[in-house]
């Protein structure tokens, strides 16, 4: 028999639908496996690793600090919506000096900014310019405490 003659043979009823179901089932299994891999990767990325511990400067306790929510996070600049004004300013801009940059995890600060999580900035003053030296998570109720 030739291939043409084989094609002319009657096929069992439903053979096409079984083949289609098999292909569809394989696609669904592949899609489900891919989705599971992506989901597990995101979970491991979010919860599996801890951010590097940022060393607290030795003199941080002697520095002035201000609590607020971050409005701008850049590699050399932070803008804080202060809960209590600094020099009469509600929005306070801080410069991050190169020597202090290692004290700031910008990804962590951006997450604070995106959900308006209270942040405490320790800073130094040189004339009219404020320099951010270190940051820590402010108490969640620090906005209410300053309003009293």
Protein backbone atom coordinates (compact mmCIF):
# COMPACT_ATOMS: atom_id res chain seq x y z
CA UNK A 1 0.00 0.00 0.00
CA UNK A 2 1.15 3.47 -0.74
CA UNK A 3 0.78 6.48 1.51
CA UNK A 4 -2.07 7.77 -0.64
CA UNK A 5 -3.92 4.50 -0.28
CA UNK A 6 -3.43 4.64 3.51
CA UNK A 7 -5.03 8.09 3.63
CA UNK A 8 -8.08 6.70 1.88
CA UNK A 9 -8.66 4.09 4.57
CA UNK A 10 -11.53 4.81 6.90
CA UNK A 11 -10.46 6.11 10.29
CA UNK A 12 -12.10 5.25 13.58
CA UNK A 13 -14.82 7.61 14.63
CA UNK A 14 -13.60 10.40 16.96
CA UNK A 15 -9.89 9.97 16.16
CA UNK A 16 -9.48 13.65 15.32
CA UNK A 17 -11.11 14.82 18.54
CA UNK A 18 -8.86 12.51 20.63
CA UNK A 19 -5.77 13.94 18.94
CA UNK A 20 -7.01 17.49 19.47
CA UNK A 21 -7.77 16.76 23.12
CA UNK A 22 -4.29 15.33 23.59
CA UNK A 23 -2.68 18.46 22.09
CA UNK A 24 -4.91 20.72 24.19
CA UNK A 25 -4.09 18.73 27.32
CA UNK A 26 -0.36 19.02 26.62
CA UNK A 27 -0.70 22.78 26.13
CA UNK A 28 -2.62 23.14 29.39
CA UNK A 29 -0.03 21.10 31.27
CA UNK A 30 2.78 23.19 29.75
CA UNK A 31 0.98 26.43 30.59
CA UNK A 32 0.29 25.26 34.15
CA UNK A 33 3.91 24.18 34.64
CA UNK A 34 5.17 27.50 33.29
CA UNK A 35 2.83 29.44 35.56
CA UNK A 36 3.96 27.40 38.55
CA UNK A 37 7.64 28.06 37.75
CA UNK A 38 7.00 31.81 37.47
CA UNK A 39 4.98 31.85 40.71
CA UNK A 40 7.63 29.92 42.65
CA UNK A 41 10.38 32.16 41.26
CA UNK A 42 8.55 35.27 42.46
CA UNK A 43 7.96 33.75 45.90
CA UNK A 44 11.63 32.81 46.27
CA UNK A 45 12.72 36.25 45.06
CA UNK A 46 10.40 38.07 47.47
CA UNK A 47 10.81 35.94 50.56
CA UNK A 48 13.83 33.74 50.02
CA UNK A 49 16.60 36.25 50.31
CA UNK A 50 17.15 38.88 52.94
CA UNK A 51 18.45 42.29 51.95
CA UNK A 52 22.01 43.02 52.95
CA UNK A 53 22.28 44.46 56.43
CA UNK A 54 23.22 48.11 56.20
CA UNK A 55 25.72 49.16 58.80
CA UNK A 56 24.52 51.87 61.14
CA UNK A 57 27.02 54.75 61.41
CA UNK A 58 28.65 55.06 64.83
CA UNK A 59 27.55 58.69 65.36
CA UNK A 60 23.92 58.26 64.26
CA UNK A 61 22.50 58.66 67.79
CA UNK A 62 23.94 62.18 68.00
CA UNK A 63 22.42 63.30 64.68
CA UNK A 64 19.11 65.10 64.25
CA UNK A 65 16.35 63.03 62.67
CA UNK A 66 13.01 63.59 61.01
CA UNK A 67 10.13 61.21 60.31
CA UNK A 68 8.00 61.35 57.20
CA UNK A 69 7.14 59.65 53.94
CA UNK A 70 9.50 59.63 50.99
CA UNK A 71 8.29 61.47 47.90
CA UNK A 72 11.47 61.20 45.78
CA UNK A 73 14.15 58.51 45.89
CA UNK A 74 17.20 59.01 43.68
CA UNK A 75 20.76 57.80 44.03
CA UNK A 76 21.95 61.22 45.26
CA UNK A 77 18.74 62.83 46.55
CA UNK A 78 15.78 62.14 48.81
CA UNK A 79 12.69 64.30 49.30
CA UNK A 80 10.73 63.64 52.47
CA UNK A 81 7.21 64.80 53.32
CA UNK A 82 8.05 65.51 56.95
CA UNK A 83 5.51 64.88 59.69
CA UNK A 84 6.98 67.90 61.49
CA UNK A 85 8.45 70.70 59.35
CA UNK A 86 12.20 71.22 59.21
CA UNK A 87 13.17 74.89 58.97
CA UNK A 88 9.52 75.65 58.19
CA UNK A 89 9.51 73.25 55.20
CA UNK A 90 7.08 70.35 54.93
CA UNK A 91 8.84 68.86 51.89
CA UNK A 92 12.47 68.53 52.85
CA UNK A 93 15.22 67.74 50.34
CA UNK A 94 18.30 65.80 51.40
CA UNK A 95 21.46 65.17 49.42
CA UNK A 96 23.08 61.74 49.69
CA UNK A 97 26.82 62.18 49.69
CA UNK A 98 29.02 59.54 48.10
CA UNK A 99 30.50 58.65 51.49
CA UNK A 100 27.00 57.96 52.89
CA UNK A 101 25.55 56.16 49.85
CA UNK A 102 26.39 52.73 51.30
CA UNK A 103 23.94 53.42 54.16
CA UNK A 104 20.96 53.50 51.79
CA UNK A 105 19.27 50.58 50.03
CA UNK A 106 17.53 52.43 47.20
CA UNK A 107 15.23 49.52 46.33
CA UNK A 108 14.05 49.39 49.94
CA UNK A 109 13.58 53.16 50.01
CA UNK A 110 11.56 53.03 46.78
CA UNK A 111 9.28 50.43 48.32
CA UNK A 112 8.79 52.77 51.30
CA UNK A 113 7.97 55.59 48.90
CA UNK A 114 5.52 53.55 46.84
CA UNK A 115 3.31 52.71 49.83
CA UNK A 116 3.98 55.83 51.94
CA UNK A 117 5.66 53.84 54.70
CA UNK A 118 7.01 56.12 57.45
CA UNK A 119 10.77 56.59 57.28
CA UNK A 120 13.17 58.19 59.76
CA UNK A 121 16.09 60.05 58.22
CA UNK A 122 19.17 60.99 60.22
CA UNK A 123 20.96 63.92 58.70
CA UNK A 124 23.77 66.46 58.96
CA UNK A 125 23.51 70.12 58.13
CA UNK A 126 26.10 72.22 56.33
CA UNK A 127 24.78 75.75 56.03
CA UNK A 128 21.41 75.53 54.31
CA UNK A 129 22.06 72.08 52.84
CA UNK A 130 20.86 68.88 54.51
CA UNK A 131 22.75 65.62 53.99
CA UNK A 132 21.04 62.28 54.59
CA UNK A 133 23.38 60.03 56.57
CA UNK A 134 21.24 57.05 57.52
CA UNK A 135 17.65 55.82 57.39
CA UNK A 136 15.59 53.50 59.47
CA UNK A 137 11.97 52.46 59.44
CA UNK A 138 9.98 54.92 61.53
CA UNK A 139 7.33 53.67 63.90
CA UNK A 140 4.08 53.20 61.98
CA UNK A 141 2.29 55.61 64.30
CA UNK A 142 4.95 58.34 64.24
CA UNK A 143 2.69 60.59 62.13
CA UNK A 144 0.01 60.49 64.87
CA UNK A 145 2.58 61.09 67.64
CA UNK A 146 3.83 64.29 65.99
CA UNK A 147 0.27 65.54 65.49
CA UNK A 148 -0.34 65.55 69.28
